[in-house]
Amino acid sequence: MAPRPPVKLRLAFLGTPDFAARILGALLDAGHDIIAAYTQPPRPAGRGHRVTRSPVHDLAESRGIPIETPAKLDSAAVGKFTALKIDAAVVAAYGLILPKAMIDAPPLGCLNVHASVLPRWRGAAPIERALLAGDPETGVSIMHMDEGLDTGAILLAERLAIPARMGAAALYDELAALGARLIVAALAAAAEGKLSAKPQPADGVTYARKLRREEGALDWRRPAVELERAVRAFEIFPGSYFTHDGERIRVLAAEIAAGSSGAAPGTVLDDGLLVACGDGALRPTKLQRPGRAALRTDEFLRGYAVATGTVLPCPATS
């Protein structure tokens, strides 16, 4: 007997960044009918502040999917959504909180692809916060959405080890691939009534607050191990940096090294830009000046000297 074809569902998709576009692509490849793609409106981005569309917007347009870009989910937007008569909605890093009327509209509910194993790292930046915390693993949860902040019941979840020195970009890729596989499996099981939702545990709740631009400033008073994690966590946004002679220097990669415990935090300890920290020392291994190419530190220092004994400033504390 030939295998049954997969169930084709009528879906709405709500997402914005590259991570979400990967999820949308998987749904299309699985043969689902995407009735509408909701994404954040085009906004100025980059040094030139050129108005830019989201990755989900670009993919949806290339595949002929109707696109909705409401700045807020008011009554008009909610009415338009409920009129779609979809089976389910899939949400992945959309950027707006869905009102109850939208959550309740699809018969199979709104399924969220969240890049952590809930209840750890509920909120806006679970990937970066996991890296900052030095978590040995993370994962993806497929959640049946409710009105809370990532508090819904879990339909599927799978863990993923975080290799040493992995940065945010590589981890995004790994989790997007995992999320794409899990949401396709979850929808197939949900359509056949074979998926049960389990409430999240009451213990282990943490919140991944939204990233702030000022978090990128390297505070040399912190331990070197924390700063190395920050360089990896912030490689997409906001970027890690220090200032020298009034210029902001981007740190694209760094490694922990032994350093003098007697030096003040921020002190450059050798001619290879080893910097004393609150505990240990950090050596940037890839740097970039504004408007210039990224360079290995030895190449960078040939054209931009930072003398041994220089004390790099620490950011002001709030």
C-alpha atoms as a PDB file:
ATOM      1  CA  MET A   1       0.000   0.000   0.000  1.00  0.00           C
ATOM      2  CA  ALA A   2       1.334   3.439  -0.942  1.00  0.00           C
ATOM      3  CA  PRO A   3       2.012   5.811   1.976  1.00  0.00           C
ATOM      4  CA  ARG A   4      -0.616   8.443   2.679  1.00  0.00           C
ATOM      5  CA  PRO A   5       0.316  11.920   1.444  1.00  0.00           C
ATOM      6  CA  PRO A   6       1.001  14.465   4.210  1.00  0.00           C
ATOM      7  CA  VAL A   7      -1.918  16.548   5.405  1.00  0.00           C
ATOM      8  CA  LYS A   8      -2.072  19.896   3.644  1.00  0.00           C
ATOM      9  CA  LEU A   9      -3.170  22.678   5.965  1.00  0.00           C
ATOM     10  CA  ARG A  10      -4.432  26.172   5.325  1.00  0.00           C
ATOM     11  CA  LEU A  11      -2.017  28.364   7.317  1.00  0.00           C
ATOM     12  CA  ALA A  12      -1.115  31.938   8.151  1.00  0.00           C
ATOM     13  CA  PHE A  13       2.533  32.630   8.923  1.00  0.00           C
ATOM     14  CA  LEU A  14       3.768  35.403  11.201  1.00  0.00           C
ATOM     15  CA  GLY A  15       7.505  36.127  11.383  1.00  0.00           C
ATOM     16  CA  THR A  16      10.194  38.625  10.469  1.00  0.00           C
ATOM     17  CA  PRO A  17      13.962  37.741  10.524  1.00  0.00           C
ATOM     18  CA  ASP A  18      16.062  35.126   8.702  1.00  0.00           C
ATOM     19  CA  PHE A  19      15.233  32.589  11.416  1.00  0.00           C
ATOM     20  CA  ALA A  20      11.531  32.963  10.591  1.00  0.00           C
ATOM     21  CA  ALA A  21      12.127  32.839   6.838  1.00  0.00           C
ATOM     22  CA  ARG A  22      13.731  29.417   7.279  1.00  0.00           C
ATOM     23  CA  ILE A  23      10.591  28.227   9.045  1.00  0.00           C
ATOM     24  CA  LEU A  24       8.352  29.637   6.313  1.00  0.00           C
ATOM     25  CA  GLY A  25      10.443  27.896   3.655  1.00  0.00           C
ATOM     26  CA  ALA A  26      10.036  24.562   5.419  1.00  0.00           C
ATOM     27  CA  LEU A  27       6.248  24.968   5.558  1.00  0.00           C
ATOM     28  CA  LEU A  28       6.139  25.705   1.843  1.00  0.00           C
ATOM     29  CA  ASP A  29       8.408  22.745   1.056  1.00  0.00           C
ATOM     30  CA  ALA A  30       6.080  20.533   3.095  1.00  0.00           C
ATOM     31  CA  GLY A  31       3.216  21.504   0.780  1.00  0.00           C
ATOM     32  CA  HIS A  32       1.134  23.602   3.144  1.00  0.00           C
ATOM     33  CA  ASP A  33      -1.061  26.365   1.742  1.00  0.00           C
ATOM     34  CA  ILE A  34       0.146  29.681   3.164  1.00  0.00           C
ATOM     35  CA  ILE A  35      -2.817  32.034   2.890  1.00  0.00           C
ATOM     36  CA  ALA A  36      -0.991  35.109   4.211  1.00  0.00           C
ATOM     37  CA  ALA A  37       2.417  36.044   5.604  1.00  0.00           C
ATOM     38  CA  TYR A  38       2.479  38.649   8.370  1.00  0.00           C
ATOM     39  CA  THR A  39       5.753  40.464   8.976  1.00  0.00           C
ATOM     40  CA  GLN A  40       7.109  43.742  10.337  1.00  0.00           C
ATOM     41  CA  PRO A  41       6.768  46.760   8.014  1.00  0.00           C
ATOM     42  CA  PRO A  42       9.799  47.847   5.949  1.00  0.00           C
ATOM     43  CA  ARG A  43      12.029  50.094   8.052  1.00  0.00           C
ATOM     44  CA  PRO A  44      15.292  52.081   7.684  1.00  0.00           C
ATOM     45  CA  ALA A  45      18.319  49.874   8.354  1.00  0.00           C
ATOM     46  CA  GLY A  46      22.098  49.953   8.052  1.00  0.00           C
ATOM     47  CA  ARG A  47      24.508  52.872   7.834  1.00  0.00           C
ATOM     48  CA  GLY A  48      22.604  54.412   4.943  1.00  0.00           C
ATOM     49  CA  HIS A  49      19.220  54.052   6.673  1.00  0.00           C
ATOM     50  CA  ARG A  50      17.776  52.565   3.504  1.00  0.00           C
ATOM     51  CA  VAL A  51      14.224  51.317   3.906  1.00  0.00           C
ATOM     52  CA  THR A  52      14.549  47.527   4.027  1.00  0.00           C
ATOM     53  CA  ARG A  53      12.034  44.718   3.914  1.00  0.00           C
ATOM     54  CA  SER A  54      12.268  41.739   6.233  1.00  0.00           C
ATOM     55  CA  PRO A  55      13.567  38.334   5.055  1.00  0.00           C
ATOM     56  CA  VAL A  56      10.050  36.909   5.486  1.00  0.00           C
ATOM     57  CA  HIS A  57       8.656  39.710   3.297  1.00  0.00           C
ATOM     58  CA  ASP A  58      11.165  38.925   0.535  1.00  0.00           C
ATOM     59  CA  LEU A  59      10.538  35.175   0.635  1.00  0.00           C
ATOM     60  CA  ALA A  60       6.766  35.540   0.701  1.00  0.00           C
ATOM     61  CA  GLU A  61       6.805  37.903  -2.262  1.00  0.00           C
ATOM     62  CA  SER A  62       9.067  35.559  -4.245  1.00  0.00           C
ATOM     63  CA  ARG A  63       6.609  32.704  -3.639  1.00  0.00           C
ATOM     64  CA  GLY A  64       3.486  34.719  -4.443  1.00  0.00           C
ATOM     65  CA  ILE A  65       2.121  34.756  -0.883  1.00  0.00           C
ATOM     66  CA  PRO A  66      -0.109  37.701   0.119  1.00  0.00           C
ATOM     67  CA  ILE A  67       1.799  39.893   2.588  1.00  0.00           C
ATOM     68  CA  GLU A  68       0.439  41.814   5.567  1.00  0.00           C
ATOM     69  CA  THR A  69       2.602  44.394   7.385  1.00  0.00           C
ATOM     70  CA  PRO A  70       0.440  45.975  10.096  1.00  0.00           C
ATOM     71  CA  ALA A  71       2.346  48.278  12.436  1.00  0.00           C
ATOM     72  CA  LYS A  72      -0.025  47.179  15.205  1.00  0.00           C
ATOM     73  CA  LEU A  73      -2.626  44.472  15.595  1.00  0.00           C
ATOM     74  CA  ASP A  74      -5.677  46.663  16.007  1.00  0.00           C
ATOM     75  CA  SER A  75      -9.297  45.636  15.503  1.00  0.00           C
ATOM     76  CA  ALA A  76      -9.045  46.042  11.735  1.00  0.00           C
ATOM     77  CA  ALA A  77      -5.986  43.762  11.550  1.00  0.00           C
ATOM     78  CA  VAL A  78      -7.621  41.216  13.832  1.00  0.00           C
ATOM     79  CA  GLY A  79     -10.766  41.181  11.717  1.00  0.00           C
ATOM     80  CA  LYS A  80      -8.756  40.621   8.553  1.00  0.00           C
ATOM     81  CA  PHE A  81      -6.870  37.756  10.218  1.00  0.00           C
ATOM     82  CA  THR A  82      -9.965  35.975  11.500  1.00  0.00           C
ATOM     83  CA  ALA A  83     -11.564  36.260   8.051  1.00  0.00           C
ATOM     84  CA  LEU A  84      -8.771  34.109   6.563  1.00  0.00           C
ATOM     85  CA  LYS A  85     -10.489  30.926   7.798  1.00  0.00           C
ATOM     86  CA  ILE A  86      -7.185  29.149   8.378  1.00  0.00           C
ATOM     87  CA  ASP A  87      -6.605  25.806  10.099  1.00  0.00           C
ATOM     88  CA  ALA A  88      -3.655  27.095  12.134  1.00  0.00           C
ATOM     89  CA  ALA A  89      -1.158  29.930  12.387  1.00  0.00           C
ATOM     90  CA  VAL A  90       2.596  29.490  12.745  1.00  0.00           C
ATOM     91  CA  VAL A  91       4.498  32.233  14.578  1.00  0.00           C
ATOM     92  CA  ALA A  92       8.284  32.607  14.624  1.00  0.00           C
ATOM     93  CA  ALA A  93      10.014  35.756  15.890  1.00  0.00           C
ATOM     94  CA  TYR A  94       7.222  37.996  14.621  1.00  0.00           C
ATOM     95  CA  GLY A  95       7.789  41.006  16.861  1.00  0.00           C
ATOM     96  CA  LEU A  96       4.206  41.828  17.861  1.00  0.00           C
ATOM     97  CA  ILE A  97       2.101  40.299  20.653  1.00  0.00           C
ATOM     98  CA  LEU A  98      -0.984  38.540  19.309  1.00  0.00           C
ATOM     99  CA  PRO A  99      -4.295  39.522  20.923  1.00  0.00           C
ATOM    100  CA  LYS A 100      -6.559  36.807  22.267  1.00  0.00           C
ATOM    101  CA  ALA A 101      -8.954  37.064  19.322  1.00  0.00           C
ATOM    102  CA  MET A 102      -6.170  36.085  16.943  1.00  0.00           C
ATOM    103  CA  ILE A 103      -4.845  33.322  19.177  1.00  0.00           C
ATOM    104  CA  ASP A 104      -8.284  31.769  19.452  1.00  0.00           C
ATOM    105  CA  ALA A 105      -9.290  32.109  15.776  1.00  0.00           C
ATOM    106  CA  PRO A 106      -7.668  29.032  14.108  1.00  0.00           C
ATOM    107  CA  PRO A 107      -9.192  25.643  15.058  1.00  0.00           C
ATOM    108  CA  LEU A 108      -5.720  24.120  15.574  1.00  0.00           C
ATOM    109  CA  GLY A 109      -4.483  27.247  17.343  1.00  0.00           C
ATOM    110  CA  CYS A 110      -1.413  29.429  16.917  1.00  0.00           C
ATOM    111  CA  LEU A 111       1.821  27.447  17.122  1.00  0.00           C
ATOM    112  CA  ASN A 112       4.974  29.304  18.097  1.00  0.00           C
ATOM    113  CA  VAL A 113       8.486  28.186  17.131  1.00  0.00           C
ATOM    114  CA  HIS A 114      10.605  29.384  20.058  1.00  0.00           C
ATOM    115  CA  ALA A 115      14.396  29.092  20.127  1.00  0.00           C
ATOM    116  CA  SER A 116      14.858  27.673  23.616  1.00  0.00           C
ATOM    117  CA  VAL A 117      13.669  24.768  25.719  1.00  0.00           C
ATOM    118  CA  LEU A 118      10.908  26.475  27.664  1.00  0.00           C
ATOM    119  CA  PRO A 119      10.462  27.668  30.348  1.00  0.00           C
ATOM    120  CA  ARG A 120      14.122  28.725  30.142  1.00  0.00           C
ATOM    121  CA  TRP A 121      14.586  31.936  28.161  1.00  0.00           C
ATOM    122  CA  ARG A 122      11.070  33.121  27.559  1.00  0.00           C
ATOM    123  CA  GLY A 123      11.089  36.416  25.703  1.00  0.00           C
ATOM    124  CA  ALA A 124      12.717  38.311  22.862  1.00  0.00           C
ATOM    125  CA  ALA A 125      16.361  37.149  22.709  1.00  0.00           C
ATOM    126  CA  PRO A 126      16.645  33.505  23.824  1.00  0.00           C
ATOM    127  CA  ILE A 127      19.607  32.637  21.585  1.00  0.00           C
ATOM    128  CA  GLU A 128      21.809  35.515  22.712  1.00  0.00           C
ATOM    129  CA  ARG A 129      20.884  35.128  26.392  1.00  0.00           C
ATOM    130  CA  ALA A 130      21.734  31.422  26.307  1.00  0.00           C
ATOM    131  CA  LEU A 131      25.179  32.253  24.920  1.00  0.00           C
ATOM    132  CA  LEU A 132      25.728  35.046  27.456  1.00  0.00           C
ATOM    133  CA  ALA A 133      24.835  32.714  30.303  1.00  0.00           C
ATOM    134  CA  GLY A 134      27.249  30.048  29.082  1.00  0.00           C
ATOM    135  CA  ASP A 135      24.483  27.473  28.755  1.00  0.00           C
ATOM    136  CA  PRO A 136      25.865  24.110  27.558  1.00  0.00           C
ATOM    137  CA  GLU A 137      22.703  23.453  25.563  1.00  0.00           C
ATOM    138  CA  THR A 138      19.579  25.090  24.228  1.00  0.00           C
ATOM    139  CA  GLY A 139      16.942  23.895  21.767  1.00  0.00           C
ATOM    140  CA  VAL A 140      13.578  24.598  20.176  1.00  0.00           C
ATOM    141  CA  SER A 141      10.087  24.417  21.643  1.00  0.00           C
ATOM    142  CA  ILE A 142       6.882  24.250  19.600  1.00  0.00           C
ATOM    143  CA  MET A 143       4.367  25.975  21.826  1.00  0.00           C
ATOM    144  CA  HIS A 144       0.585  26.245  21.670  1.00  0.00           C
ATOM    145  CA  MET A 145       0.264  29.991  22.218  1.00  0.00           C
ATOM    146  CA  ASP A 146      -1.770  31.625  24.968  1.00  0.00           C
ATOM    147  CA  GLU A 147      -1.963  35.246  26.149  1.00  0.00           C
ATOM    148  CA  GLY A 148       1.148  35.044  28.324  1.00  0.00           C
ATOM    149  CA  LEU A 149       4.748  35.752  27.323  1.00  0.00           C
ATOM    150  CA  ASP A 150       5.854  32.344  25.998  1.00  0.00           C
ATOM    151  CA  THR A 151       3.805  30.581  28.681  1.00  0.00           C
ATOM    152  CA  GLY A 152       1.782  28.245  26.445  1.00  0.00           C
ATOM    153  CA  ALA A 153       1.749  24.478  26.617  1.00  0.00           C
ATOM    154  CA  ILE A 154       4.515  22.581  24.803  1.00  0.00           C
ATOM    155  CA  LEU A 155       3.682  20.391  21.827  1.00  0.00           C
ATOM    156  CA  LEU A 156       7.213  19.323  20.881  1.00  0.00           C
ATOM    157  CA  ALA A 157      10.696  20.202  22.127  1.00  0.00           C
ATOM    158  CA  GLU A 158      14.207  19.073  21.297  1.00  0.00           C
ATOM    159  CA  ARG A 159      17.537  19.995  22.854  1.00  0.00           C
ATOM    160  CA  LEU A 160      20.718  21.027  21.051  1.00  0.00           C
ATOM    161  CA  ALA A 161      24.241  21.150  22.483  1.00  0.00           C
ATOM    162  CA  ILE A 162      26.080  24.475  22.141  1.00  0.00           C
ATOM    163  CA  PRO A 163      29.653  23.766  21.009  1.00  0.00           C
ATOM    164  CA  ALA A 164      32.451  25.760  22.604  1.00  0.00           C
ATOM    165  CA  ARG A 165      33.148  29.065  20.815  1.00  0.00           C
ATOM    166  CA  MET A 166      29.938  28.913  18.755  1.00  0.00           C
ATOM    167  CA  GLY A 167      28.576  32.352  17.982  1.00  0.00           C
ATOM    168  CA  ALA A 168      25.052  33.644  17.529  1.00  0.00           C
ATOM    169  CA  ALA A 169      25.039  33.382  13.725  1.00  0.00           C
ATOM    170  CA  ALA A 170      25.941  29.691  13.678  1.00  0.00           C
ATOM    171  CA  LEU A 171      23.546  28.941  16.535  1.00  0.00           C
ATOM    172  CA  TYR A 172      20.725  30.739  14.719  1.00  0.00           C
ATOM    173  CA  ASP A 173      21.338  28.487  11.713  1.00  0.00           C
ATOM    174  CA  GLU A 174      21.312  25.312  13.806  1.00  0.00           C
ATOM    175  CA  LEU A 175      18.141  26.279  15.661  1.00  0.00           C
ATOM    176  CA  ALA A 176      16.353  27.427  12.512  1.00  0.00           C
ATOM    177  CA  ALA A 177      16.973  24.035  10.914  1.00  0.00           C
ATOM    178  CA  LEU A 178      15.763  22.277  14.062  1.00  0.00           C
ATOM    179  CA  GLY A 179      12.712  24.525  14.344  1.00  0.00           C
ATOM    180  CA  ALA A 180      11.804  23.932  10.695  1.00  0.00           C
ATOM    181  CA  ARG A 181      11.874  20.176  11.209  1.00  0.00           C
ATOM    182  CA  LEU A 182       9.886  20.293  14.443  1.00  0.00           C
ATOM    183  CA  ILE A 183       7.099  22.581  13.208  1.00  0.00           C
ATOM    184  CA  VAL A 184       6.480  20.411  10.146  1.00  0.00           C
ATOM    185  CA  ALA A 185       6.261  17.351  12.393  1.00  0.00           C
ATOM    186  CA  ALA A 186       4.035  19.140  14.909  1.00  0.00           C
ATOM    187  CA  LEU A 187       1.563  20.284  12.252  1.00  0.00           C
ATOM    188  CA  ALA A 188       1.327  16.806  10.755  1.00  0.00           C
ATOM    189  CA  ALA A 189       0.639  15.281  14.160  1.00  0.00           C
ATOM    190  CA  ALA A 190      -1.796  18.027  15.177  1.00  0.00           C
ATOM    191  CA  ALA A 191      -3.804  17.610  11.971  1.00  0.00           C
ATOM    192  CA  GLU A 192      -4.280  13.922  12.786  1.00  0.00           C
ATOM    193  CA  GLY A 193      -5.096  14.553  16.455  1.00  0.00           C
ATOM    194  CA  LYS A 194      -1.952  12.774  17.581  1.00  0.00           C
ATOM    195  CA  LEU A 195      -0.250  15.623  19.431  1.00  0.00           C
ATOM    196  CA  SER A 196      -0.878  16.405  23.081  1.00  0.00           C
ATOM    197  CA  ALA A 197       0.111  19.632  24.787  1.00  0.00           C
ATOM    198  CA  LYS A 198       1.986  19.575  28.109  1.00  0.00           C
ATOM    199  CA  PRO A 199       2.005  22.563  30.481  1.00  0.00           C
ATOM    200  CA  GLN A 200       5.384  24.129  31.065  1.00  0.00           C
ATOM    201  CA  PRO A 201       7.135  23.285  34.343  1.00  0.00           C
ATOM    202  CA  ALA A 202       6.732  25.861  37.098  1.00  0.00           C
ATOM    203  CA  ASP A 203      10.450  25.681  37.909  1.00  0.00           C
ATOM    204  CA  GLY A 204      13.327  26.975  35.805  1.00  0.00           C
ATOM    205  CA  VAL A 205      11.653  30.070  34.349  1.00  0.00           C
ATOM    206  CA  THR A 206      14.076  32.695  33.000  1.00  0.00           C
ATOM    207  CA  TYR A 207      13.474  35.729  30.790  1.00  0.00           C
ATOM    208  CA  ALA A 208      15.478  36.700  27.712  1.00  0.00           C
ATOM    209  CA  ARG A 209      15.016  40.449  27.666  1.00  0.00           C
ATOM    210  CA  LYS A 210      15.304  42.361  24.413  1.00  0.00           C
ATOM    211  CA  LEU A 211      18.844  43.274  23.367  1.00  0.00           C
ATOM    212  CA  ARG A 212      19.887  46.888  23.899  1.00  0.00           C
ATOM    213  CA  ARG A 213      22.448  48.623  21.702  1.00  0.00           C
ATOM    214  CA  GLU A 214      24.471  49.779  24.703  1.00  0.00           C
ATOM    215  CA  GLU A 215      25.056  46.173  25.798  1.00  0.00           C
ATOM    216  CA  GLY A 216      27.688  45.912  23.076  1.00  0.00           C
ATOM    217  CA  ALA A 217      30.185  48.084  25.000  1.00  0.00           C
ATOM    218  CA  LEU A 218      32.828  45.818  26.540  1.00  0.00           C
ATOM    219  CA  ASP A 219      33.085  46.474  30.257  1.00  0.00           C
ATOM    220  CA  TRP A 220      36.616  45.419  31.165  1.00  0.00           C
ATOM    221  CA  ARG A 221      35.625  45.245  34.851  1.00  0.00           C
ATOM    222  CA  ARG A 222      33.748  42.035  34.095  1.00  0.00           C
ATOM    223  CA  PRO A 223      35.469  38.612  33.977  1.00  0.00           C
ATOM    224  CA  ALA A 224      37.136  37.708  30.675  1.00  0.00           C
ATOM    225  CA  VAL A 225      34.954  34.612  30.365  1.00  0.00           C
ATOM    226  CA  GLU A 226      31.825  36.798  30.330  1.00  0.00           C
ATOM    227  CA  LEU A 227      33.254  39.198  27.762  1.00  0.00           C
ATOM    228  CA  GLU A 228      34.225  36.358  25.430  1.00  0.00           C
ATOM    229  CA  ARG A 229      30.657  35.091  25.615  1.00  0.00           C
ATOM    230  CA  ALA A 230      29.371  38.600  24.869  1.00  0.00           C
ATOM    231  CA  VAL A 231      31.503  38.825  21.728  1.00  0.00           C
ATOM    232  CA  ARG A 232      29.939  35.594  20.452  1.00  0.00           C
ATOM    233  CA  ALA A 233      26.413  36.417  21.595  1.00  0.00           C
ATOM    234  CA  PHE A 234      26.344  39.909  20.087  1.00  0.00           C
ATOM    235  CA  GLU A 235      28.002  39.176  16.744  1.00  0.00           C
ATOM    236  CA  ILE A 236      24.755  39.862  14.825  1.00  0.00           C
ATOM    237  CA  PHE A 237      23.398  42.644  17.054  1.00  0.00           C
ATOM    238  CA  PRO A 238      24.386  44.904  18.736  1.00  0.00           C
ATOM    239  CA  GLY A 239      28.044  43.984  18.140  1.00  0.00           C
ATOM    240  CA  SER A 240      30.791  44.133  20.795  1.00  0.00           C
ATOM    241  CA  TYR A 241      33.168  47.080  20.860  1.00  0.00           C
ATOM    242  CA  PHE A 242      35.567  49.244  22.840  1.00  0.00           C
ATOM    243  CA  THR A 243      36.628  52.844  22.320  1.00  0.00           C
ATOM    244  CA  HIS A 244      40.144  54.150  21.759  1.00  0.00           C
ATOM    245  CA  ASP A 245      41.059  57.762  20.946  1.00  0.00           C
ATOM    246  CA  GLY A 246      37.389  58.509  20.433  1.00  0.00           C
ATOM    247  CA  GLU A 247      36.949  55.756  17.848  1.00  0.00           C
ATOM    248  CA  ARG A 248      34.661  52.784  18.306  1.00  0.00           C
ATOM    249  CA  ILE A 249      36.500  49.526  17.532  1.00  0.00           C
ATOM    250  CA  ARG A 250      34.335  46.483  16.811  1.00  0.00           C
ATOM    251  CA  VAL A 251      35.505  43.172  18.307  1.00  0.00           C
ATOM    252  CA  LEU A 252      34.377  40.359  16.010  1.00  0.00           C
ATOM    253  CA  ALA A 253      36.180  37.496  17.758  1.00  0.00           C
ATOM    254  CA  ALA A 254      38.165  37.080  20.957  1.00  0.00           C
ATOM    255  CA  GLU A 255      39.763  34.487  23.187  1.00  0.00           C
ATOM    256  CA  ILE A 256      40.417  34.187  26.901  1.00  0.00           C
ATOM    257  CA  ALA A 257      44.049  34.354  27.950  1.00  0.00           C
ATOM    258  CA  ALA A 258      46.125  34.476  31.130  1.00  0.00           C
ATOM    259  CA  GLY A 259      46.784  38.023  32.314  1.00  0.00           C
ATOM    260  CA  SER A 260      48.250  40.001  35.169  1.00  0.00           C
ATOM    261  CA  SER A 261      45.909  40.070  38.121  1.00  0.00           C
ATOM    262  CA  GLY A 262      47.474  43.326  39.327  1.00  0.00           C
ATOM    263  CA  ALA A 263      46.629  45.437  36.264  1.00  0.00           C
ATOM    264  CA  ALA A 264      43.624  47.729  36.223  1.00  0.00           C
ATOM    265  CA  PRO A 265      40.736  46.514  34.062  1.00  0.00           C
ATOM    266  CA  GLY A 266      41.144  47.818  30.511  1.00  0.00           C
ATOM    267  CA  THR A 267      44.950  47.888  30.630  1.00  0.00           C
ATOM    268  CA  VAL A 268      46.640  46.678  27.432  1.00  0.00           C
ATOM    269  CA  LEU A 269      49.153  44.094  28.661  1.00  0.00           C
ATOM    270  CA  ASP A 270      51.227  43.385  25.541  1.00  0.00           C
ATOM    271  CA  ASP A 271      51.779  44.361  21.919  1.00  0.00           C
ATOM    272  CA  GLY A 272      49.135  41.846  20.803  1.00  0.00           C
ATOM    273  CA  LEU A 273      46.257  43.737  22.463  1.00  0.00           C
ATOM    274  CA  LEU A 274      45.810  41.463  25.460  1.00  0.00           C
ATOM    275  CA  VAL A 275      43.465  43.401  27.768  1.00  0.00           C
ATOM    276  CA  ALA A 276      43.179  42.992  31.539  1.00  0.00           C
ATOM    277  CA  CYS A 277      39.681  42.236  32.800  1.00  0.00           C
ATOM    278  CA  GLY A 278      38.068  42.057  36.209  1.00  0.00           C
ATOM    279  CA  ASP A 279      39.170  38.428  36.255  1.00  0.00           C
ATOM    280  CA  GLY A 280      41.659  37.159  33.675  1.00  0.00           C
ATOM    281  CA  ALA A 281      42.350  38.813  30.333  1.00  0.00           C
ATOM    282  CA  LEU A 282      40.806  38.941  26.873  1.00  0.00           C
ATOM    283  CA  ARG A 283      42.636  39.015  23.546  1.00  0.00           C
ATOM    284  CA  PRO A 284      40.579  40.236  20.567  1.00  0.00           C
ATOM    285  CA  THR A 285      41.470  38.119  17.527  1.00  0.00           C
ATOM    286  CA  LYS A 286      39.447  39.952  14.855  1.00  0.00           C
ATOM    287  CA  LEU A 287      38.759  43.682  14.785  1.00  0.00           C
ATOM    288  CA  GLN A 288      37.102  46.304  12.618  1.00  0.00           C
ATOM    289  CA  ARG A 289      37.248  50.095  12.514  1.00  0.00           C
ATOM    290  CA  PRO A 290      34.189  52.018  11.309  1.00  0.00           C
ATOM    291  CA  GLY A 291      33.896  51.831   7.536  1.00  0.00           C
ATOM    292  CA  ARG A 292      36.920  49.534   7.235  1.00  0.00           C
ATOM    293  CA  ALA A 293      37.426  45.851   6.508  1.00  0.00           C
ATOM    294  CA  ALA A 294      37.521  43.304   9.312  1.00  0.00           C
ATOM    295  CA  LEU A 295      41.108  42.211  10.083  1.00  0.00           C
ATOM    296  CA  ARG A 296      42.967  39.722  12.226  1.00  0.00           C
ATOM    297  CA  THR A 297      44.426  41.519  15.237  1.00  0.00           C
ATOM    298  CA  ASP A 298      48.026  41.286  14.009  1.00  0.00           C
ATOM    299  CA  GLU A 299      46.992  42.896  10.695  1.00  0.00           C
ATOM    300  CA  PHE A 300      44.864  45.487  12.474  1.00  0.00           C
ATOM    301  CA  LEU A 301      47.708  46.573  14.770  1.00  0.00           C
ATOM    302  CA  ARG A 302      50.100  47.135  11.874  1.00  0.00           C
ATOM    303  CA  GLY A 303      47.932  50.054  10.801  1.00  0.00           C
ATOM    304  CA  TYR A 304      46.454  51.103  14.144  1.00  0.00           C
ATOM    305  CA  ALA A 305      48.813  50.928  17.097  1.00  0.00           C
ATOM    306  CA  VAL A 306      47.539  50.469  20.633  1.00  0.00           C
ATOM    307  CA  ALA A 307      50.525  50.762  22.942  1.00  0.00           C
ATOM    308  CA  THR A 308      51.197  48.447  25.864  1.00  0.00           C
ATOM    309  CA  GLY A 309      50.078  50.184  29.038  1.00  0.00           C
ATOM    310  CA  THR A 310      47.182  51.970  27.372  1.00  0.00           C
ATOM    311  CA  VAL A 311      44.064  51.872  29.557  1.00  0.00           C
ATOM    312  CA  LEU A 312      40.940  51.363  27.472  1.00  0.00           C
ATOM    313  CA  PRO A 313      37.887  53.036  28.989  1.00  0.00           C
ATOM    314  CA  CYS A 314      35.075  51.130  30.624  1.00  0.00           C
ATOM    315  CA  PRO A 315      31.499  52.156  29.820  1.00  0.00           C
ATOM    316  CA  ALA A 316      29.722  54.354  32.335  1.00  0.00           C
ATOM    317  CA  THR A 317      27.542  52.429  34.741  1.00  0.00           C
ATOM    318  CA  SER A 318      23.885  53.340  35.086  1.00  0.00           C
END
